[in-house]
Amino acid sequence: MEREPSAKELQRYESVRERWEEVCSRCGRCCFERELGDGGEVLVDYASPCRFFDMGTHLCRVYKDRFRKNERCARVTLRVALFDELLPEECAYRQLLREESDGTAAL
């Protein structure tokens, strides 16, 4: 069962909620096929990008319509940033919001 976000995680989210899209660092890793390795690390298959991913700009060519044109495209929400195991550690959303076991942000 998924835990509820902590007060600190919610506070971090609230501090950027109005500019959520700006948090993205445009690394593009979420636009490639990913799987969990044996040790729990996220393995990114850089040979398998989304067909709408522009390798030069690291931007989506159909961004405004991405959820309609690509059923596998997932919105990065607070819950995804906090709990999705396939979100790479380098993801700016994940780094901003997740807490380590000692209670500090994963920055």
PDB file of N, CA and C in Angstrom:
ATOM      1  N   MET A   1       0.835  -1.179   0.000  1.00  0.00           N
ATOM      2  CA  MET A   1       0.000   0.000   0.000  1.00  0.00           C
ATOM      3  C   MET A   1       0.886   1.251   0.000  1.00  0.00           C
ATOM      4  N   GLU A   2       0.526   2.197  -0.820  1.00  0.00           N
ATOM      5  CA  GLU A   2       1.277   3.431  -0.953  1.00  0.00           C
ATOM      6  C   GLU A   2       1.049   4.329   0.257  1.00  0.00           C
ATOM      7  N   ARG A   3       2.132   4.900   0.749  1.00  0.00           N
ATOM      8  CA  ARG A   3       2.012   5.817   1.880  1.00  0.00           C
ATOM      9  C   ARG A   3       1.490   7.170   1.398  1.00  0.00           C
ATOM     10  N   GLU A   4       1.085   7.988   2.336  1.00  0.00           N
ATOM     11  CA  GLU A   4       0.665   9.345   2.009  1.00  0.00           C
ATOM     12  C   GLU A   4       1.901  10.236   1.977  1.00  0.00           C
ATOM     13  N   PRO A   5       1.890  11.278   1.157  1.00  0.00           N
ATOM     14  CA  PRO A   5       3.031  12.203   1.153  1.00  0.00           C
ATOM     15  C   PRO A   5       3.209  12.839   2.526  1.00  0.00           C
ATOM     16  N   SER A   6       4.463  13.047   2.909  1.00  0.00           N
ATOM     17  CA  SER A   6       4.753  13.684   4.192  1.00  0.00           C
ATOM     18  C   SER A   6       4.460  15.181   4.109  1.00  0.00           C
ATOM     19  N   ALA A   7       4.444  15.830   5.242  1.00  0.00           N
ATOM     20  CA  ALA A   7       4.215  17.274   5.289  1.00  0.00           C
ATOM     21  C   ALA A   7       5.309  18.015   4.520  1.00  0.00           C
ATOM     22  N   LYS A   8       6.555  17.567   4.657  1.00  0.00           N
ATOM     23  CA  LYS A   8       7.656  18.219   3.937  1.00  0.00           C
ATOM     24  C   LYS A   8       7.525  18.040   2.435  1.00  0.00           C
ATOM     25  N   GLU A   9       7.134  16.846   2.010  1.00  0.00           N
ATOM     26  CA  GLU A   9       6.952  16.592   0.577  1.00  0.00           C
ATOM     27  C   GLU A   9       5.823  17.457   0.034  1.00  0.00           C
ATOM     28  N   LEU A  10       4.741  17.547   0.761  1.00  0.00           N
ATOM     29  CA  LEU A  10       3.622  18.392   0.331  1.00  0.00           C
ATOM     30  C   LEU A  10       4.023  19.862   0.301  1.00  0.00           C
ATOM     31  N   GLN A  11       4.814  20.275   1.266  1.00  0.00           N
ATOM     32  CA  GLN A  11       5.282  21.663   1.309  1.00  0.00           C
ATOM     33  C   GLN A  11       6.153  21.970   0.095  1.00  0.00           C
ATOM     34  N   ARG A  12       7.048  21.044  -0.262  1.00  0.00           N
ATOM     35  CA  ARG A  12       7.889  21.235  -1.448  1.00  0.00           C
ATOM     36  C   ARG A  12       7.026  21.331  -2.702  1.00  0.00           C
ATOM     37  N   TYR A  13       6.039  20.453  -2.788  1.00  0.00           N
ATOM     38  CA  TYR A  13       5.146  20.469  -3.948  1.00  0.00           C
ATOM     39  C   TYR A  13       4.398  21.798  -4.027  1.00  0.00           C
ATOM     40  N   GLU A  14       3.844  22.242  -2.921  1.00  0.00           N
ATOM     41  CA  GLU A  14       3.096  23.501  -2.906  1.00  0.00           C
ATOM     42  C   GLU A  14       3.972  24.674  -3.321  1.00  0.00           C
ATOM     43  N   SER A  15       5.263  24.611  -2.988  1.00  0.00           N
ATOM     44  CA  SER A  15       6.165  25.710  -3.329  1.00  0.00           C
ATOM     45  C   SER A  15       6.410  25.827  -4.835  1.00  0.00           C
ATOM     46  N   VAL A  16       6.150  24.767  -5.594  1.00  0.00           N
ATOM     47  CA  VAL A  16       6.377  24.790  -7.046  1.00  0.00           C
ATOM     48  C   VAL A  16       5.124  24.484  -7.857  1.00  0.00           C
ATOM     49  N   ARG A  17       4.008  24.258  -7.187  1.00  0.00           N
ATOM     50  CA  ARG A  17       2.792  23.814  -7.885  1.00  0.00           C
ATOM     51  C   ARG A  17       2.381  24.735  -9.035  1.00  0.00           C
ATOM     52  N   GLU A  18       2.468  26.030  -8.833  1.00  0.00           N
ATOM     53  CA  GLU A  18       2.062  26.985  -9.869  1.00  0.00           C
ATOM     54  C   GLU A  18       2.995  26.978 -11.081  1.00  0.00           C
ATOM     55  N   ARG A  19       4.195  26.484 -10.907  1.00  0.00           N
ATOM     56  CA  ARG A  19       5.170  26.420 -12.009  1.00  0.00           C
ATOM     57  C   ARG A  19       5.692  24.997 -12.187  1.00  0.00           C
ATOM     58  N   TRP A  20       4.827  24.022 -11.987  1.00  0.00           N
ATOM     59  CA  TRP A  20       5.174  22.600 -12.023  1.00  0.00           C
ATOM     60  C   TRP A  20       5.939  22.209 -13.284  1.00  0.00           C
ATOM     61  N   GLU A  21       5.486  22.672 -14.430  1.00  0.00           N
ATOM     62  CA  GLU A  21       6.136  22.311 -15.698  1.00  0.00           C
ATOM     63  C   GLU A  21       7.575  22.815 -15.757  1.00  0.00           C
ATOM     64  N   GLU A  22       7.867  23.902 -15.065  1.00  0.00           N
ATOM     65  CA  GLU A  22       9.208  24.472 -15.071  1.00  0.00           C
ATOM     66  C   GLU A  22      10.201  23.638 -14.265  1.00  0.00           C
ATOM     67  N   VAL A  23       9.715  22.764 -13.404  1.00  0.00           N
ATOM     68  CA  VAL A  23      10.598  21.919 -12.593  1.00  0.00           C
ATOM     69  C   VAL A  23      11.372  20.945 -13.482  1.00  0.00           C
ATOM     70  N   CYS A  24      10.754  20.494 -14.556  1.00  0.00           N
ATOM     71  CA  CYS A  24      11.377  19.520 -15.457  1.00  0.00           C
ATOM     72  C   CYS A  24      12.697  20.063 -15.995  1.00  0.00           C
ATOM     73  N   SER A  25      13.753  19.249 -15.916  1.00  0.00           N
ATOM     74  CA  SER A  25      15.075  19.654 -16.408  1.00  0.00           C
ATOM     75  C   SER A  25      15.291  19.248 -17.862  1.00  0.00           C
ATOM     76  N   ARG A  26      14.296  18.648 -18.475  1.00  0.00           N
ATOM     77  CA  ARG A  26      14.340  18.217 -19.874  1.00  0.00           C
ATOM     78  C   ARG A  26      15.432  17.181 -20.133  1.00  0.00           C
ATOM     79  N   CYS A  27      15.627  16.280 -19.157  1.00  0.00           N
ATOM     80  CA  CYS A  27      16.624  15.220 -19.358  1.00  0.00           C
ATOM     81  C   CYS A  27      16.124  14.202 -20.384  1.00  0.00           C
ATOM     82  N   GLY A  28      14.808  14.055 -20.501  1.00  0.00           N
ATOM     83  CA  GLY A  28      14.231  13.156 -21.491  1.00  0.00           C
ATOM     84  C   GLY A  28      14.202  11.695 -21.100  1.00  0.00           C
ATOM     85  N   ARG A  29      14.743  11.342 -19.946  1.00  0.00           N
ATOM     86  CA  ARG A  29      14.807   9.924 -19.567  1.00  0.00           C
ATOM     87  C   ARG A  29      13.423   9.294 -19.453  1.00  0.00           C
ATOM     88  N   CYS A  30      12.422  10.055 -19.118  1.00  0.00           N
ATOM     89  CA  CYS A  30      11.077   9.486 -18.993  1.00  0.00           C
ATOM     90  C   CYS A  30      10.462   9.190 -20.364  1.00  0.00           C
ATOM     91  N   CYS A  31      11.108   9.638 -21.434  1.00  0.00           N
ATOM     92  CA  CYS A  31      10.604   9.410 -22.787  1.00  0.00           C
ATOM     93  C   CYS A  31      11.215   8.170 -23.448  1.00  0.00           C
ATOM     94  N   PHE A  32      11.957   7.389 -22.676  1.00  0.00           N
ATOM     95  CA  PHE A  32      12.564   6.149 -23.164  1.00  0.00           C
ATOM     96  C   PHE A  32      11.974   4.974 -22.402  1.00  0.00           C
ATOM     97  N   GLU A  33      12.066   3.791 -22.996  1.00  0.00           N
ATOM     98  CA  GLU A  33      11.652   2.580 -22.292  1.00  0.00           C
ATOM     99  C   GLU A  33      12.542   2.407 -21.071  1.00  0.00           C
ATOM    100  N   ARG A  34      11.925   2.012 -19.950  1.00  0.00           N
ATOM    101  CA  ARG A  34      12.676   1.830 -18.711  1.00  0.00           C
ATOM    102  C   ARG A  34      12.218   0.548 -18.039  1.00  0.00           C
ATOM    103  N   GLU A  35      13.114  -0.022 -17.251  1.00  0.00           N
ATOM    104  CA  GLU A  35      12.768  -1.183 -16.437  1.00  0.00           C
ATOM    105  C   GLU A  35      13.636  -1.161 -15.196  1.00  0.00           C
ATOM    106  N   LEU A  36      13.206  -1.906 -14.203  1.00  0.00           N
ATOM    107  CA  LEU A  36      13.984  -2.001 -12.972  1.00  0.00           C
ATOM    108  C   LEU A  36      15.005  -3.120 -13.103  1.00  0.00           C
ATOM    109  N   GLY A  37      16.250  -2.833 -12.708  1.00  0.00           N
ATOM    110  CA  GLY A  37      17.303  -3.837 -12.706  1.00  0.00           C
ATOM    111  C   GLY A  37      17.183  -4.720 -11.480  1.00  0.00           C
ATOM    112  N   ASP A  38      18.012  -5.730 -11.407  1.00  0.00           N
ATOM    113  CA  ASP A  38      17.990  -6.674 -10.289  1.00  0.00           C
ATOM    114  C   ASP A  38      18.218  -5.986  -8.944  1.00  0.00           C
ATOM    115  N   GLY A  39      19.008  -4.914  -8.939  1.00  0.00           N
ATOM    116  CA  GLY A  39      19.293  -4.190  -7.705  1.00  0.00           C
ATOM    117  C   GLY A  39      18.315  -3.061  -7.431  1.00  0.00           C
ATOM    118  N   GLY A  40      17.261  -2.957  -8.235  1.00  0.00           N
ATOM    119  CA  GLY A  40      16.263  -1.913  -8.043  1.00  0.00           C
ATOM    120  C   GLY A  40      16.575  -0.618  -8.766  1.00  0.00           C
ATOM    121  N   GLU A  41      17.710  -0.575  -9.485  1.00  0.00           N
ATOM    122  CA  GLU A  41      18.056   0.636 -10.215  1.00  0.00           C
ATOM    123  C   GLU A  41      17.228   0.723 -11.494  1.00  0.00           C
ATOM    124  N   VAL A  42      16.990   1.934 -11.962  1.00  0.00           N
ATOM    125  CA  VAL A  42      16.236   2.155 -13.187  1.00  0.00           C
ATOM    126  C   VAL A  42      17.188   2.047 -14.367  1.00  0.00           C
ATOM    127  N   LEU A  43      16.875   1.139 -15.279  1.00  0.00           N
ATOM    128  CA  LEU A  43      17.660   0.951 -16.493  1.00  0.00           C
ATOM    129  C   LEU A  43      16.917   1.622 -17.640  1.00  0.00           C
ATOM    130  N   VAL A  44      17.572   2.573 -18.278  1.00  0.00           N
ATOM    131  CA  VAL A  44      16.970   3.319 -19.372  1.00  0.00           C
ATOM    132  C   VAL A  44      17.507   2.756 -20.686  1.00  0.00           C
ATOM    133  N   ASP A  45      16.605   2.387 -21.593  1.00  0.00           N
ATOM    134  CA  ASP A  45      16.993   1.873 -22.907  1.00  0.00           C
ATOM    135  C   ASP A  45      17.041   3.048 -23.883  1.00  0.00           C
ATOM    136  N   TYR A  46      18.232   3.622 -24.048  1.00  0.00           N
ATOM    137  CA  TYR A  46      18.376   4.808 -24.892  1.00  0.00           C
ATOM    138  C   TYR A  46      18.194   4.506 -26.375  1.00  0.00           C
ATOM    139  N   ALA A  47      18.023   3.260 -26.740  1.00  0.00           N
ATOM    140  CA  ALA A  47      17.747   2.896 -28.128  1.00  0.00           C
ATOM    141  C   ALA A  47      16.242   2.898 -28.407  1.00  0.00           C
ATOM    142  N   SER A  48      15.426   3.151 -27.381  1.00  0.00           N
ATOM    143  CA  SER A  48      13.969   3.061 -27.542  1.00  0.00           C
ATOM    144  C   SER A  48      13.244   4.316 -27.046  1.00  0.00           C
ATOM    145  N   PRO A  49      13.419   5.446 -27.759  1.00  0.00           N
ATOM    146  CA  PRO A  49      12.689   6.646 -27.350  1.00  0.00           C
ATOM    147  C   PRO A  49      11.240   6.611 -27.844  1.00  0.00           C
ATOM    148  N   CYS A  50      10.416   7.417 -27.243  1.00  0.00           N
ATOM    149  CA  CYS A  50       9.059   7.631 -27.745  1.00  0.00           C
ATOM    150  C   CYS A  50       9.178   8.191 -29.162  1.00  0.00           C
ATOM    151  N   ARG A  51       8.252   7.840 -30.019  1.00  0.00           N
ATOM    152  CA  ARG A  51       8.341   8.300 -31.415  1.00  0.00           C
ATOM    153  C   ARG A  51       8.171   9.804 -31.546  1.00  0.00           C
ATOM    154  N   PHE A  52       7.666  10.466 -30.515  1.00  0.00           N
ATOM    155  CA  PHE A  52       7.472  11.911 -30.557  1.00  0.00           C
ATOM    156  C   PHE A  52       8.603  12.687 -29.870  1.00  0.00           C
ATOM    157  N   PHE A  53       9.571  11.971 -29.334  1.00  0.00           N
ATOM    158  CA  PHE A  53      10.679  12.609 -28.627  1.00  0.00           C
ATOM    159  C   PHE A  53      11.698  13.137 -29.623  1.00  0.00           C
ATOM    160  N   ASP A  54      12.050  14.404 -29.525  1.00  0.00           N
ATOM    161  CA  ASP A  54      13.060  15.012 -30.387  1.00  0.00           C
ATOM    162  C   ASP A  54      14.411  14.861 -29.696  1.00  0.00           C
ATOM    163  N   MET A  55      15.281  14.042 -30.254  1.00  0.00           N
ATOM    164  CA  MET A  55      16.578  13.758 -29.642  1.00  0.00           C
ATOM    165  C   MET A  55      17.479  14.991 -29.563  1.00  0.00           C
ATOM    166  N   GLY A  56      17.296  15.937 -30.450  1.00  0.00           N
ATOM    167  CA  GLY A  56      18.128  17.131 -30.443  1.00  0.00           C
ATOM    168  C   GLY A  56      17.753  18.125 -29.357  1.00  0.00           C
ATOM    169  N   THR A  57      16.466  18.329 -29.164  1.00  0.00           N
ATOM    170  CA  THR A  57      16.009  19.327 -28.199  1.00  0.00           C
ATOM    171  C   THR A  57      15.593  18.727 -26.859  1.00  0.00           C
ATOM    172  N   HIS A  58      15.415  17.417 -26.828  1.00  0.00           N
ATOM    173  CA  HIS A  58      14.899  16.703 -25.650  1.00  0.00           C
ATOM    174  C   HIS A  58      13.484  17.159 -25.295  1.00  0.00           C
ATOM    175  N   LEU A  59      12.743  17.567 -26.301  1.00  0.00           N
ATOM    176  CA  LEU A  59      11.363  17.997 -26.105  1.00  0.00           C
ATOM    177  C   LEU A  59      10.423  17.100 -26.889  1.00  0.00           C
ATOM    178  N   CYS A  60       9.192  17.081 -26.472  1.00  0.00           N
ATOM    179  CA  CYS A  60       8.155  16.312 -27.161  1.00  0.00           C
ATOM    180  C   CYS A  60       7.629  17.140 -28.336  1.00  0.00           C
ATOM    181  N   ARG A  61       7.540  16.518 -29.503  1.00  0.00           N
ATOM    182  CA  ARG A  61       7.051  17.218 -30.691  1.00  0.00           C
ATOM    183  C   ARG A  61       5.533  17.409 -30.673  1.00  0.00           C
ATOM    184  N   VAL A  62       4.833  16.686 -29.807  1.00  0.00           N
ATOM    185  CA  VAL A  62       3.364  16.803 -29.730  1.00  0.00           C
ATOM    186  C   VAL A  62       2.942  17.086 -28.283  1.00  0.00           C
ATOM    187  N   TYR A  63       3.712  17.892 -27.585  1.00  0.00           N
ATOM    188  CA  TYR A  63       3.555  18.072 -26.142  1.00  0.00           C
ATOM    189  C   TYR A  63       2.121  18.355 -25.711  1.00  0.00           C
ATOM    190  N   LYS A  64       1.457  19.274 -26.354  1.00  0.00           N
ATOM    191  CA  LYS A  64       0.094  19.639 -25.928  1.00  0.00           C
ATOM    192  C   LYS A  64      -0.902  18.496 -26.127  1.00  0.00           C
ATOM    193  N   ASP A  65      -0.627  17.610 -27.060  1.00  0.00           N
ATOM    194  CA  ASP A  65      -1.529  16.490 -27.345  1.00  0.00           C
ATOM    195  C   ASP A  65      -0.924  15.143 -26.968  1.00  0.00           C
ATOM    196  N   ARG A  66       0.138  15.135 -26.166  1.00  0.00           N
ATOM    197  CA  ARG A  66       0.897  13.907 -25.912  1.00  0.00           C
ATOM    198  C   ARG A  66       0.073  12.792 -25.295  1.00  0.00           C
ATOM    199  N   PHE A  67      -0.861  13.109 -24.420  1.00  0.00           N
ATOM    200  CA  PHE A  67      -1.646  12.061 -23.766  1.00  0.00           C
ATOM    201  C   PHE A  67      -2.680  11.464 -24.722  1.00  0.00           C
ATOM    202  N   ARG A  68      -3.107  12.228 -25.691  1.00  0.00           N
ATOM    203  CA  ARG A  68      -4.047  11.729 -26.676  1.00  0.00           C
ATOM    204  C   ARG A  68      -3.329  10.931 -27.764  1.00  0.00           C
ATOM    205  N   LYS A  69      -2.145  11.379 -28.171  1.00  0.00           N
ATOM    206  CA  LYS A  69      -1.419  10.732 -29.261  1.00  0.00           C
ATOM    207  C   LYS A  69      -0.578   9.540 -28.810  1.00  0.00           C
ATOM    208  N   ASN A  70      -0.232   9.487 -27.539  1.00  0.00           N
ATOM    209  CA  ASN A  70       0.596   8.381 -27.038  1.00  0.00           C
ATOM    210  C   ASN A  70      -0.004   7.878 -25.732  1.00  0.00           C
ATOM    211  N   GLU A  71      -0.700   6.770 -25.804  1.00  0.00           N
ATOM    212  CA  GLU A  71      -1.371   6.223 -24.615  1.00  0.00           C
ATOM    213  C   GLU A  71      -0.400   5.807 -23.515  1.00  0.00           C
ATOM    214  N   ARG A  72       0.877   5.647 -23.838  1.00  0.00           N
ATOM    215  CA  ARG A  72       1.874   5.253 -22.831  1.00  0.00           C
ATOM    216  C   ARG A  72       2.491   6.457 -22.127  1.00  0.00           C
ATOM    217  N   CYS A  73       2.228   7.649 -22.623  1.00  0.00           N
ATOM    218  CA  CYS A  73       2.769   8.855 -21.997  1.00  0.00           C
ATOM    219  C   CYS A  73       2.020   9.087 -20.686  1.00  0.00           C
ATOM    220  N   ALA A  74       2.779   9.296 -19.622  1.00  0.00           N
ATOM    221  CA  ALA A  74       2.175   9.470 -18.299  1.00  0.00           C
ATOM    222  C   ALA A  74       2.493  10.855 -17.742  1.00  0.00           C
ATOM    223  N   ARG A  75       1.496  11.488 -17.216  1.00  0.00           N
ATOM    224  CA  ARG A  75       1.678  12.793 -16.577  1.00  0.00           C
ATOM    225  C   ARG A  75       2.482  12.609 -15.293  1.00  0.00           C
ATOM    226  N   VAL A  76       3.467  13.464 -15.088  1.00  0.00           N
ATOM    227  CA  VAL A  76       4.239  13.416 -13.853  1.00  0.00           C
ATOM    228  C   VAL A  76       3.496  14.268 -12.822  1.00  0.00           C
ATOM    229  N   THR A  77       2.837  13.578 -11.936  1.00  0.00           N
ATOM    230  CA  THR A  77       2.074  14.214 -10.872  1.00  0.00           C
ATOM    231  C   THR A  77       2.866  14.118  -9.573  1.00  0.00           C
ATOM    232  N   LEU A  78       2.316  14.678  -8.527  1.00  0.00           N
ATOM    233  CA  LEU A  78       2.944  14.559  -7.208  1.00  0.00           C
ATOM    234  C   LEU A  78       3.155  13.090  -6.858  1.00  0.00           C
ATOM    235  N   ARG A  79       2.138  12.259  -7.026  1.00  0.00           N
ATOM    236  CA  ARG A  79       2.237  10.833  -6.679  1.00  0.00           C
ATOM    237  C   ARG A  79       3.265  10.103  -7.546  1.00  0.00           C
ATOM    238  N   VAL A  80       3.299  10.417  -8.831  1.00  0.00           N
ATOM    239  CA  VAL A  80       4.294   9.791  -9.713  1.00  0.00           C
ATOM    240  C   VAL A  80       5.701  10.193  -9.273  1.00  0.00           C
ATOM    241  N   ALA A  81       5.911  11.480  -9.024  1.00  0.00           N
ATOM    242  CA  ALA A  81       7.230  11.958  -8.608  1.00  0.00           C
ATOM    243  C   ALA A  81       7.678  11.308  -7.305  1.00  0.00           C
ATOM    244  N   LEU A  82       6.731  11.049  -6.414  1.00  0.00           N
ATOM    245  CA  LEU A  82       7.071  10.462  -5.122  1.00  0.00           C
ATOM    246  C   LEU A  82       7.216   8.950  -5.150  1.00  0.00           C
ATOM    247  N   PHE A  83       6.414   8.258  -5.966  1.00  0.00           N
ATOM    248  CA  PHE A  83       6.310   6.807  -5.800  1.00  0.00           C
ATOM    249  C   PHE A  83       6.616   5.951  -7.025  1.00  0.00           C
ATOM    250  N   ASP A  84       6.678   6.513  -8.214  1.00  0.00           N
ATOM    251  CA  ASP A  84       6.900   5.694  -9.404  1.00  0.00           C
ATOM    252  C   ASP A  84       8.325   5.146  -9.391  1.00  0.00           C
ATOM    253  N   GLU A  85       8.447   3.842  -9.335  1.00  0.00           N
ATOM    254  CA  GLU A  85       9.760   3.192  -9.275  1.00  0.00           C
ATOM    255  C   GLU A  85      10.555   3.355 -10.562  1.00  0.00           C
ATOM    256  N   LEU A  86       9.875   3.619 -11.674  1.00  0.00           N
ATOM    257  CA  LEU A  86      10.570   3.736 -12.948  1.00  0.00           C
ATOM    258  C   LEU A  86      10.979   5.162 -13.286  1.00  0.00           C
ATOM    259  N   LEU A  87      10.728   6.098 -12.397  1.00  0.00           N
ATOM    260  CA  LEU A  87      11.181   7.462 -12.623  1.00  0.00           C
ATOM    261  C   LEU A  87      12.667   7.521 -12.256  1.00  0.00           C
ATOM    262  N   PRO A  88      13.532   7.843 -13.219  1.00  0.00           N
ATOM    263  CA  PRO A  88      14.976   7.824 -12.954  1.00  0.00           C
ATOM    264  C   PRO A  88      15.376   8.769 -11.818  1.00  0.00           C
ATOM    265  N   GLU A  89      16.434   8.403 -11.110  1.00  0.00           N
ATOM    266  CA  GLU A  89      16.933   9.225  -9.999  1.00  0.00           C
ATOM    267  C   GLU A  89      17.292  10.627 -10.457  1.00  0.00           C
ATOM    268  N   GLU A  90      17.695  10.794 -11.701  1.00  0.00           N
ATOM    269  CA  GLU A  90      18.097  12.099 -12.217  1.00  0.00           C
ATOM    270  C   GLU A  90      16.913  13.027 -12.474  1.00  0.00           C
ATOM    271  N   CYS A  91      15.710  12.508 -12.426  1.00  0.00           N
ATOM    272  CA  CYS A  91      14.517  13.310 -12.699  1.00  0.00           C
ATOM    273  C   CYS A  91      14.414  14.460 -11.690  1.00  0.00           C
ATOM    274  N   ALA A  92      14.262  15.666 -12.189  1.00  0.00           N
ATOM    275  CA  ALA A  92      14.188  16.850 -11.324  1.00  0.00           C
ATOM    276  C   ALA A  92      12.975  16.791 -10.398  1.00  0.00           C
ATOM    277  N   TYR A  93      11.862  16.243 -10.869  1.00  0.00           N
ATOM    278  CA  TYR A  93      10.672  16.107 -10.016  1.00  0.00           C
ATOM    279  C   TYR A  93      10.978  15.174  -8.847  1.00  0.00           C
ATOM    280  N   ARG A  94      11.577  14.064  -9.166  1.00  0.00           N
ATOM    281  CA  ARG A  94      11.916  13.084  -8.128  1.00  0.00           C
ATOM    282  C   ARG A  94      12.904  13.679  -7.126  1.00  0.00           C
ATOM    283  N   GLN A  95      13.933  14.337  -7.623  1.00  0.00           N
ATOM    284  CA  GLN A  95      14.937  14.924  -6.740  1.00  0.00           C
ATOM    285  C   GLN A  95      14.340  15.994  -5.835  1.00  0.00           C
ATOM    286  N   LEU A  96      13.439  16.776  -6.354  1.00  0.00           N
ATOM    287  CA  LEU A  96      12.825  17.842  -5.571  1.00  0.00           C
ATOM    288  C   LEU A  96      11.949  17.311  -4.445  1.00  0.00           C
ATOM    289  N   LEU A  97      11.179  16.274  -4.742  1.00  0.00           N
ATOM    290  CA  LEU A  97      10.123  15.868  -3.822  1.00  0.00           C
ATOM    291  C   LEU A  97      10.439  14.715  -2.895  1.00  0.00           C
ATOM    292  N   ARG A  98      11.248  13.778  -3.321  1.00  0.00           N
ATOM    293  CA  ARG A  98      11.443  12.580  -2.499  1.00  0.00           C
ATOM    294  C   ARG A  98      12.351  12.832  -1.312  1.00  0.00           C
ATOM    295  N   GLU A  99      12.002  12.189  -0.219  1.00  0.00           N
ATOM    296  CA  GLU A  99      12.820  12.246   0.983  1.00  0.00           C
ATOM    297  C   GLU A  99      13.615  10.959   1.105  1.00  0.00           C
ATOM    298  N   GLU A 100      14.822  11.080   1.573  1.00  0.00           N
ATOM    299  CA  GLU A 100      15.631   9.901   1.859  1.00  0.00           C
ATOM    300  C   GLU A 100      15.219   9.382   3.232  1.00  0.00           C
ATOM    301  N   SER A 101      15.736   8.269   3.609  1.00  0.00           N
ATOM    302  CA  SER A 101      15.369   7.665   4.887  1.00  0.00           C
ATOM    303  C   SER A 101      15.728   8.545   6.073  1.00  0.00           C
ATOM    304  N   ASP A 102      16.678   9.465   5.914  1.00  0.00           N
ATOM    305  CA  ASP A 102      17.029  10.355   7.022  1.00  0.00           C
ATOM    306  C   ASP A 102      16.146  11.589   7.055  1.00  0.00           C
ATOM    307  N   GLY A 103      15.161  11.674   6.137  1.00  0.00           N
ATOM    308  CA  GLY A 103      14.213  12.776   6.158  1.00  0.00           C
ATOM    309  C   GLY A 103      14.609  13.980   5.343  1.00  0.00           C
ATOM    310  N   THR A 104      15.730  13.895   4.606  1.00  0.00           N
ATOM    311  CA  THR A 104      16.138  15.021   3.779  1.00  0.00           C
ATOM    312  C   THR A 104      15.709  14.771   2.341  1.00  0.00           C
ATOM    313  N   ALA A 105      15.614  15.833   1.580  1.00  0.00           N
ATOM    314  CA  ALA A 105      15.244  15.702   0.175  1.00  0.00           C
ATOM    315  C   ALA A 105      16.357  14.983  -0.571  1.00  0.00           C
ATOM    316  N   ALA A 106      15.985  14.301  -1.620  1.00  0.00           N
ATOM    317  CA  ALA A 106      16.946  13.529  -2.419  1.00  0.00           C
ATOM    318  C   ALA A 106      17.622  14.435  -3.437  1.00  0.00           C
ATOM    319  N   LEU A 107      18.198  15.541  -2.995  1.00  0.00           N
ATOM    320  CA  LEU A 107      18.867  16.460  -3.910  1.00  0.00           C
ATOM    321  C   LEU A 107      20.347  16.233  -3.941  1.00  0.00           C
TER     322      LEU A 107
END
